[in-house]
N, C-alpha and C. Protein backbone atom coordinates (compact mmCIF):
# COMPACT_ATOMS: atom_id res chain seq x y z
N MET A 1 144.72 32.87 25.97
CA MET A 1 146.06 32.96 26.51
C MET A 1 146.29 34.50 26.83
N ASP A 2 146.70 34.81 27.92
CA ASP A 2 147.07 36.25 28.22
C ASP A 2 148.53 36.36 28.14
N ARG A 3 149.10 37.56 28.37
CA ARG A 3 150.34 37.89 28.60
C ARG A 3 151.34 37.03 29.39
N LYS A 4 150.89 36.69 30.55
CA LYS A 4 151.38 35.88 31.54
C LYS A 4 151.68 34.53 31.11
N ASP A 5 150.57 34.01 30.41
CA ASP A 5 150.69 32.55 29.76
C ASP A 5 151.70 32.45 28.70
N HIS A 6 151.82 33.45 27.96
CA HIS A 6 152.82 33.66 26.85
C HIS A 6 154.19 33.54 27.57
N GLN A 7 154.37 34.38 28.60
CA GLN A 7 155.66 34.46 29.38
C GLN A 7 156.10 32.96 29.89
N ILE A 8 155.00 32.40 30.50
CA ILE A 8 155.33 30.99 30.94
C ILE A 8 155.78 30.07 29.74
N VAL A 9 155.02 30.10 28.70
CA VAL A 9 155.07 29.17 27.47
C VAL A 9 156.60 29.48 26.92
N ARG A 10 156.91 30.71 26.75
CA ARG A 10 158.26 31.18 26.25
C ARG A 10 159.35 30.64 27.11
N ALA A 11 159.20 30.90 28.66
CA ALA A 11 160.39 30.46 29.40
C ALA A 11 160.38 28.88 29.32
N LEU A 12 159.29 28.07 29.20
CA LEU A 12 159.43 26.73 29.23
C LEU A 12 160.00 26.17 27.91
N MET A 13 159.70 27.04 26.91
CA MET A 13 160.28 26.50 25.60
C MET A 13 161.82 26.56 25.61
N HIS A 14 162.27 27.67 26.25
CA HIS A 14 163.68 27.86 26.27
C HIS A 14 164.36 26.81 27.36
N ASP A 15 163.66 26.55 28.33
CA ASP A 15 164.17 25.54 29.37
C ASP A 15 163.13 24.93 30.04
N GLY A 16 162.85 23.70 29.52
CA GLY A 16 161.72 22.90 30.02
C GLY A 16 162.08 22.10 31.32
N ARG A 17 163.24 22.33 31.80
CA ARG A 17 163.57 21.71 33.19
C ARG A 17 163.52 22.82 34.25
N LEU A 18 162.95 23.99 34.06
CA LEU A 18 162.88 24.96 34.99
C LEU A 18 162.07 24.45 36.22
N SER A 19 162.31 24.65 37.32
CA SER A 19 161.57 24.22 38.57
C SER A 19 160.43 25.27 38.55
N ASN A 20 159.33 24.94 39.32
CA ASN A 20 158.23 26.04 39.34
C ASN A 20 158.55 27.11 40.03
N GLN A 21 159.49 26.93 41.16
CA GLN A 21 159.91 28.23 41.84
C GLN A 21 160.85 29.09 40.86
N ASP A 22 161.68 28.56 39.90
CA ASP A 22 162.43 29.45 39.09
C ASP A 22 161.67 29.97 38.07
N LEU A 23 160.61 29.05 37.50
CA LEU A 23 159.65 29.66 36.40
C LEU A 23 158.80 30.88 36.96
N ALA A 24 158.28 30.67 38.23
CA ALA A 24 157.51 31.56 38.78
C ALA A 24 158.29 33.07 38.97
N ALA A 25 159.58 32.89 39.45
CA ALA A 25 160.46 34.08 39.58
C ALA A 25 160.74 34.72 38.12
N ALA A 26 160.81 33.83 37.13
CA ALA A 26 161.04 34.35 35.77
C ALA A 26 159.96 35.18 35.25
N VAL A 27 158.78 34.74 35.64
CA VAL A 27 157.52 35.52 34.98
C VAL A 27 156.85 36.39 36.02
N ASN A 28 157.50 36.55 37.24
CA ASN A 28 157.01 37.49 38.25
C ASN A 28 155.51 37.04 38.87
N LEU A 29 155.49 35.73 39.17
CA LEU A 29 154.36 35.18 39.75
C LEU A 29 154.76 34.57 41.06
N SER A 30 154.04 34.36 42.00
CA SER A 30 154.32 33.49 43.09
C SER A 30 154.04 31.94 42.63
N PRO A 31 154.70 30.96 43.39
CA PRO A 31 154.80 29.67 42.84
C PRO A 31 153.39 28.98 42.76
N SER A 32 152.36 29.22 43.46
CA SER A 32 151.12 28.61 43.34
C SER A 32 150.26 28.96 42.17
N PRO A 33 150.09 30.30 41.84
CA PRO A 33 149.53 30.58 40.64
C PRO A 33 150.18 30.20 39.49
N CYS A 34 151.53 30.22 39.60
CA CYS A 34 152.26 29.96 38.32
C CYS A 34 152.01 28.27 38.03
N LEU A 35 152.02 27.50 39.00
CA LEU A 35 151.80 26.06 38.95
C LEU A 35 150.32 25.93 38.39
N ARG A 36 149.38 26.56 38.83
CA ARG A 36 147.95 26.49 38.41
C ARG A 36 147.95 26.82 36.78
N ARG A 37 148.68 27.86 36.42
CA ARG A 37 148.73 28.25 35.08
C ARG A 37 149.40 27.26 34.16
N VAL A 38 150.56 26.63 34.71
CA VAL A 38 151.09 25.66 33.87
C VAL A 38 150.22 24.40 33.67
N ARG A 39 149.54 24.11 34.76
CA ARG A 39 148.59 22.79 34.64
C ARG A 39 147.56 23.14 33.60
N LEU A 40 147.04 24.39 33.72
CA LEU A 40 145.74 24.83 32.78
C LEU A 40 146.35 24.80 31.37
N LEU A 41 147.58 25.24 31.18
CA LEU A 41 148.12 25.20 29.87
C LEU A 41 148.40 23.69 29.30
N GLU A 42 148.65 22.73 30.27
CA GLU A 42 148.90 21.51 29.90
C GLU A 42 147.47 20.72 29.70
N GLU A 43 146.47 21.08 30.48
CA GLU A 43 145.22 20.53 30.21
C GLU A 43 144.42 20.99 28.93
N ARG A 44 144.90 22.42 28.53
CA ARG A 44 144.22 22.76 27.32
C ARG A 44 144.95 22.33 26.22
N GLY A 45 146.07 21.76 26.30
CA GLY A 45 146.87 21.21 25.09
C GLY A 45 147.88 22.23 24.63
N VAL A 46 147.86 23.29 25.30
CA VAL A 46 149.00 24.27 24.78
C VAL A 46 150.36 23.74 24.89
N ILE A 47 150.61 23.12 26.17
CA ILE A 47 151.92 22.51 26.43
C ILE A 47 151.50 20.93 26.29
N THR A 48 152.22 20.41 25.30
CA THR A 48 151.81 19.00 25.16
C THR A 48 152.85 17.90 25.67
N GLY A 49 153.78 18.44 26.22
CA GLY A 49 154.85 17.53 26.79
C GLY A 49 156.23 18.17 27.01
N TYR A 50 157.12 17.48 27.49
CA TYR A 50 158.41 17.84 27.96
C TYR A 50 159.42 16.81 27.24
N ALA A 51 160.48 17.27 26.77
CA ALA A 51 161.35 16.29 26.14
C ALA A 51 162.98 16.90 26.20
N ALA A 52 163.83 16.03 26.16
CA ALA A 52 165.31 16.40 26.20
C ALA A 52 165.64 16.58 24.61
N LEU A 53 166.27 17.56 24.41
CA LEU A 53 166.88 17.86 23.22
C LEU A 53 168.26 17.07 23.14
N VAL A 54 168.38 16.25 22.04
CA VAL A 54 169.65 15.30 21.97
C VAL A 54 170.31 15.62 20.80
N ASP A 55 171.65 15.79 20.87
CA ASP A 55 172.45 15.76 19.78
C ASP A 55 172.56 14.62 18.91
N GLN A 56 171.88 14.68 17.58
CA GLN A 56 171.84 13.38 16.82
C GLN A 56 173.16 12.84 16.37
N LYS A 57 174.23 13.65 16.25
CA LYS A 57 175.54 13.22 15.90
C LYS A 57 176.15 12.52 17.05
N ALA A 58 175.91 12.96 18.34
CA ALA A 58 176.41 12.20 19.46
C ALA A 58 175.72 10.91 19.75
N MET A 59 174.53 10.79 19.17
CA MET A 59 173.74 9.47 19.29
C MET A 59 174.03 8.59 18.05
N GLY A 60 174.98 8.96 17.28
CA GLY A 60 175.30 8.07 16.19
C GLY A 60 174.48 8.18 14.85
N TYR A 61 173.89 9.47 14.80
CA TYR A 61 173.11 9.67 13.57
C TYR A 61 173.36 11.11 12.81
N PRO A 62 174.63 11.11 12.27
CA PRO A 62 175.19 12.38 11.76
C PRO A 62 174.49 12.96 10.35
N ILE A 63 173.79 11.87 9.87
CA ILE A 63 173.23 12.17 8.37
C ILE A 63 171.68 12.58 8.62
N THR A 64 171.43 13.85 8.07
CA THR A 64 169.92 14.23 8.01
C THR A 64 169.64 14.16 6.52
N VAL A 65 168.47 13.58 6.25
CA VAL A 65 168.06 13.47 4.74
C VAL A 65 166.66 13.91 4.86
N PHE A 66 166.27 14.84 3.83
CA PHE A 66 164.86 15.28 3.66
C PHE A 66 164.35 14.44 2.37
N VAL A 67 163.32 13.84 2.63
CA VAL A 67 162.71 12.84 1.69
C VAL A 67 161.35 13.34 1.04
N GLY A 68 161.30 13.63 -0.25
CA GLY A 68 159.96 13.94 -0.73
C GLY A 68 159.34 12.72 -1.37
N ILE A 69 158.08 12.46 -0.85
CA ILE A 69 157.35 11.26 -1.31
C ILE A 69 156.18 11.86 -2.19
N ARG A 70 155.98 11.09 -3.34
CA ARG A 70 154.78 11.23 -4.06
C ARG A 70 154.02 9.83 -4.03
N LEU A 71 152.86 9.87 -3.78
CA LEU A 71 151.94 8.80 -3.75
C LEU A 71 151.44 8.34 -5.23
N SER A 72 151.17 7.23 -5.41
CA SER A 72 150.61 6.86 -6.69
C SER A 72 149.15 7.03 -6.75
N LYS A 73 148.56 6.85 -5.71
CA LYS A 73 147.04 7.20 -5.67
C LYS A 73 146.73 7.95 -4.36
N HIS A 74 145.81 8.64 -4.41
CA HIS A 74 145.46 9.47 -3.16
C HIS A 74 144.05 9.18 -2.60
N ASP A 75 143.54 7.90 -2.69
CA ASP A 75 142.42 7.48 -2.12
C ASP A 75 142.70 7.26 -0.67
N GLN A 76 141.57 7.12 0.14
CA GLN A 76 141.63 7.22 1.60
C GLN A 76 142.52 5.88 2.14
N ALA A 77 142.35 4.73 1.55
CA ALA A 77 143.14 3.63 1.92
C ALA A 77 144.59 3.74 1.81
N THR A 78 144.97 4.35 0.59
CA THR A 78 146.43 4.41 0.33
C THR A 78 146.99 5.46 1.33
N VAL A 79 146.27 6.56 1.55
CA VAL A 79 146.80 7.66 2.41
C VAL A 79 146.94 7.12 3.69
N GLN A 80 145.92 6.45 4.39
CA GLN A 80 145.90 5.94 5.58
C GLN A 80 146.98 4.90 5.87
N ALA A 81 147.18 4.01 4.82
CA ALA A 81 148.16 3.11 5.09
C ALA A 81 149.54 3.63 4.95
N PHE A 82 149.88 4.60 4.04
CA PHE A 82 151.03 5.22 4.10
C PHE A 82 151.39 5.96 5.45
N GLU A 83 150.55 6.70 5.81
CA GLU A 83 150.61 7.42 7.13
C GLU A 83 150.78 6.50 8.33
N ARG A 84 150.12 5.54 8.30
CA ARG A 84 150.42 4.59 9.46
C ARG A 84 151.73 3.89 9.44
N ALA A 85 152.16 3.59 8.29
CA ALA A 85 153.60 2.89 8.11
C ALA A 85 154.65 3.96 8.54
N ILE A 86 154.43 5.17 8.11
CA ILE A 86 155.36 6.23 8.35
C ILE A 86 155.55 6.43 9.85
N GLY A 87 154.41 6.40 10.50
CA GLY A 87 154.29 6.66 11.91
C GLY A 87 155.06 5.53 12.83
N ALA A 88 155.28 4.40 12.23
CA ALA A 88 155.86 3.24 12.89
C ALA A 88 157.35 3.25 12.59
N ILE A 89 157.85 4.09 11.96
CA ILE A 89 159.36 4.07 11.54
C ILE A 89 160.12 5.24 12.31
N ASP A 90 161.02 4.66 13.35
CA ASP A 90 161.69 5.74 14.21
C ASP A 90 162.69 6.44 13.55
N ASP A 91 163.31 6.12 12.41
CA ASP A 91 164.27 6.86 11.57
C ASP A 91 163.71 8.12 11.13
N ILE A 92 162.32 8.14 10.97
CA ILE A 92 161.72 9.42 10.39
C ILE A 92 161.30 10.11 11.67
N LEU A 93 161.97 11.40 11.78
CA LEU A 93 161.66 12.31 12.80
C LEU A 93 160.44 13.14 12.59
N ASP A 94 160.19 13.40 11.40
CA ASP A 94 159.03 14.46 10.88
C ASP A 94 158.52 13.96 9.63
N CYS A 95 157.25 14.11 9.66
CA CYS A 95 156.52 13.89 8.35
C CYS A 95 155.46 15.03 8.09
N PHE A 96 155.67 15.83 7.08
CA PHE A 96 154.59 16.83 6.72
C PHE A 96 153.88 16.57 5.41
N LEU A 97 152.59 16.72 5.47
CA LEU A 97 151.78 16.74 4.36
C LEU A 97 152.01 18.19 3.64
N MET A 98 152.21 17.96 2.42
CA MET A 98 152.68 19.12 1.56
C MET A 98 151.76 19.47 0.46
N THR A 99 151.79 20.65 -0.05
CA THR A 99 151.20 21.04 -1.33
C THR A 99 152.10 21.10 -2.37
N GLY A 100 151.98 21.16 -3.62
CA GLY A 100 152.83 21.36 -4.68
C GLY A 100 153.32 19.88 -5.31
N ASP A 101 154.62 19.82 -5.62
CA ASP A 101 155.09 18.64 -6.33
C ASP A 101 155.15 17.34 -5.64
N ILE A 102 155.44 17.56 -4.25
CA ILE A 102 155.38 16.17 -3.41
C ILE A 102 154.17 16.21 -2.50
N ASP A 103 153.78 14.97 -2.15
CA ASP A 103 152.68 14.97 -1.15
C ASP A 103 153.13 14.74 0.25
N TYR A 104 154.38 14.38 0.59
CA TYR A 104 154.89 14.37 2.00
C TYR A 104 156.42 14.80 1.90
N LEU A 105 156.88 15.48 3.07
CA LEU A 105 158.11 15.73 3.20
C LEU A 105 158.66 15.09 4.55
N LEU A 106 159.65 14.14 4.55
CA LEU A 106 160.22 13.39 5.70
C LEU A 106 161.48 14.00 6.01
N ARG A 107 161.69 14.22 7.32
CA ARG A 107 163.09 14.32 7.90
C ARG A 107 163.43 13.15 8.45
N VAL A 108 164.50 12.56 7.85
CA VAL A 108 165.07 11.13 8.31
C VAL A 108 166.50 11.36 8.88
N VAL A 109 166.91 10.64 9.77
CA VAL A 109 168.32 10.45 10.33
C VAL A 109 168.86 9.17 10.07
N ALA A 110 170.10 9.17 9.66
CA ALA A 110 170.70 7.98 9.46
C ALA A 110 172.36 8.01 10.00
N PRO A 111 172.84 6.69 10.19
CA PRO A 111 174.13 6.53 10.73
C PRO A 111 175.26 7.02 9.79
N ASP A 112 174.86 6.69 8.49
CA ASP A 112 175.71 6.98 7.28
C ASP A 112 175.03 6.81 6.16
N LEU A 113 175.53 6.98 4.79
CA LEU A 113 174.99 6.72 3.63
C LEU A 113 174.62 5.25 3.36
N ASP A 114 175.27 4.27 3.84
CA ASP A 114 174.82 2.94 3.68
C ASP A 114 173.53 2.76 4.48
N GLY A 115 173.51 3.29 5.59
CA GLY A 115 172.39 3.05 6.58
C GLY A 115 171.15 3.87 5.94
N TYR A 116 171.28 5.03 5.20
CA TYR A 116 170.26 5.56 4.53
C TYR A 116 169.64 4.74 3.42
N GLU A 117 170.69 4.07 2.73
CA GLU A 117 170.23 3.15 1.45
C GLU A 117 169.58 2.10 1.95
N ARG A 118 169.89 1.37 3.25
CA ARG A 118 169.08 0.30 3.82
C ARG A 118 167.84 0.71 4.27
N PHE A 119 167.64 1.93 4.75
CA PHE A 119 166.31 2.44 5.08
C PHE A 119 165.42 2.52 4.01
N VAL A 120 165.92 3.07 2.85
CA VAL A 120 165.18 3.21 1.53
C VAL A 120 164.73 1.76 1.22
N ARG A 121 165.69 1.01 0.98
CA ARG A 121 165.39 -0.32 0.47
C ARG A 121 164.48 -1.20 1.39
N GLU A 122 164.75 -1.22 2.67
CA GLU A 122 164.09 -2.11 3.55
C GLU A 122 162.73 -1.43 4.20
N ARG A 123 162.65 -0.15 4.36
CA ARG A 123 161.50 0.52 5.02
C ARG A 123 160.66 1.19 3.93
N LEU A 124 161.08 2.09 3.26
CA LEU A 124 160.34 2.90 2.36
C LEU A 124 159.81 2.07 1.18
N HIS A 125 160.66 1.26 0.56
CA HIS A 125 160.23 0.44 -0.64
C HIS A 125 159.20 -0.61 -0.12
N ALA A 126 159.04 -0.85 1.17
CA ALA A 126 157.96 -1.86 1.67
C ALA A 126 156.65 -1.26 1.71
N ILE A 127 156.52 0.10 1.50
CA ILE A 127 155.25 0.66 1.77
C ILE A 127 154.64 0.76 0.41
N ASP A 128 153.44 0.04 0.36
CA ASP A 128 152.69 0.23 -0.94
C ASP A 128 152.17 1.58 -1.26
N GLY A 129 152.16 1.88 -2.62
CA GLY A 129 151.53 3.23 -2.82
C GLY A 129 152.48 4.40 -3.16
N ILE A 130 153.83 4.16 -2.89
CA ILE A 130 154.64 5.21 -3.24
C ILE A 130 155.09 5.24 -4.65
N ALA A 131 155.03 6.37 -5.37
CA ALA A 131 155.22 6.54 -6.76
C ALA A 131 156.68 6.94 -6.97
N SER A 132 157.11 7.98 -6.22
CA SER A 132 158.53 8.31 -6.17
C SER A 132 159.13 8.79 -4.77
N ILE A 133 160.31 8.77 -4.67
CA ILE A 133 161.00 9.18 -3.56
C ILE A 133 162.28 10.05 -4.06
N ASP A 134 162.17 11.41 -3.43
CA ASP A 134 163.13 12.34 -3.93
C ASP A 134 163.89 12.67 -2.73
N THR A 135 165.36 12.45 -2.69
CA THR A 135 166.25 12.67 -1.53
C THR A 135 166.99 13.87 -1.75
N SER A 136 167.25 14.56 -0.51
CA SER A 136 168.07 15.72 -0.42
C SER A 136 168.85 15.52 0.84
N LEU A 137 170.16 15.47 0.73
CA LEU A 137 170.97 15.48 1.89
C LEU A 137 171.26 16.71 2.53
N ALA A 138 171.20 17.07 3.83
CA ALA A 138 171.55 18.22 4.53
C ALA A 138 173.08 17.98 4.81
N TYR A 139 173.94 18.98 4.52
CA TYR A 139 175.20 18.88 4.88
C TYR A 139 175.62 19.90 5.89
N GLY A 140 174.62 20.52 6.45
CA GLY A 140 174.83 21.57 7.57
C GLY A 140 173.62 22.13 8.15
N VAL A 141 173.71 22.68 9.37
CA VAL A 141 172.39 23.30 10.03
C VAL A 141 172.81 24.78 10.14
N VAL A 142 172.19 25.54 9.60
CA VAL A 142 172.17 27.08 9.79
C VAL A 142 171.44 27.52 11.05
N LYS A 143 170.13 26.95 11.26
CA LYS A 143 169.26 27.25 12.30
C LYS A 143 168.37 26.19 12.46
N GLN A 144 168.12 25.76 13.84
CA GLN A 144 167.40 24.71 14.35
C GLN A 144 166.64 25.10 15.49
N SER A 145 165.37 25.11 15.60
CA SER A 145 164.81 25.71 16.93
C SER A 145 163.38 25.00 17.01
N ARG A 146 163.07 24.70 18.28
CA ARG A 146 161.65 24.32 18.75
C ARG A 146 161.02 25.16 19.45
N VAL A 147 161.48 26.53 19.45
CA VAL A 147 160.85 27.62 20.07
C VAL A 147 160.05 28.44 19.19
N LEU A 148 158.73 28.46 19.43
CA LEU A 148 157.92 29.12 18.61
C LEU A 148 157.85 30.72 18.92
N PRO A 149 157.59 31.48 17.85
CA PRO A 149 157.52 33.00 18.04
C PRO A 149 156.24 33.28 18.73
N LEU A 150 156.27 34.05 19.84
CA LEU A 150 155.11 34.36 20.65
C LEU A 150 155.12 35.95 20.70
N PRO A 151 153.74 36.38 20.79
CA PRO A 151 153.49 37.85 21.05
C PRO A 151 154.20 38.41 22.20
N GLY A 152 154.61 39.52 22.19
CA GLY A 152 155.06 40.30 23.32
C GLY A 152 156.55 39.80 23.60
């Protein structure tokens, strides 16, 4: 990736709805070469998609919970079954494989504390191989970004 590609990616991370015309102007290119570069970035997997950022509270999910999971076993079957089950649960927005005391860190949204309790009892407890579940409630957001730091 060259400097111009970084400029394109940065502009699209800040506003994925930019028209090609506006993007080209923002990065000082003519529209055709700009569009070619965007398509190449998409083909190479640098740009993986476009999405609307939605306010979770406005959508009825004011509660954010970080859930630490420890597995009882770390054999391939247990890990694959756990990861497959997690992937199918919409309430889980992110799942990170961790080092240290926990195996996975989940970011979960819930409509309220009762909803989170139902989630744990009905969804997490149904997954075989979980040894422990540690919950931390977020009561505020200081910074939240989907914009990666890029050179230049």
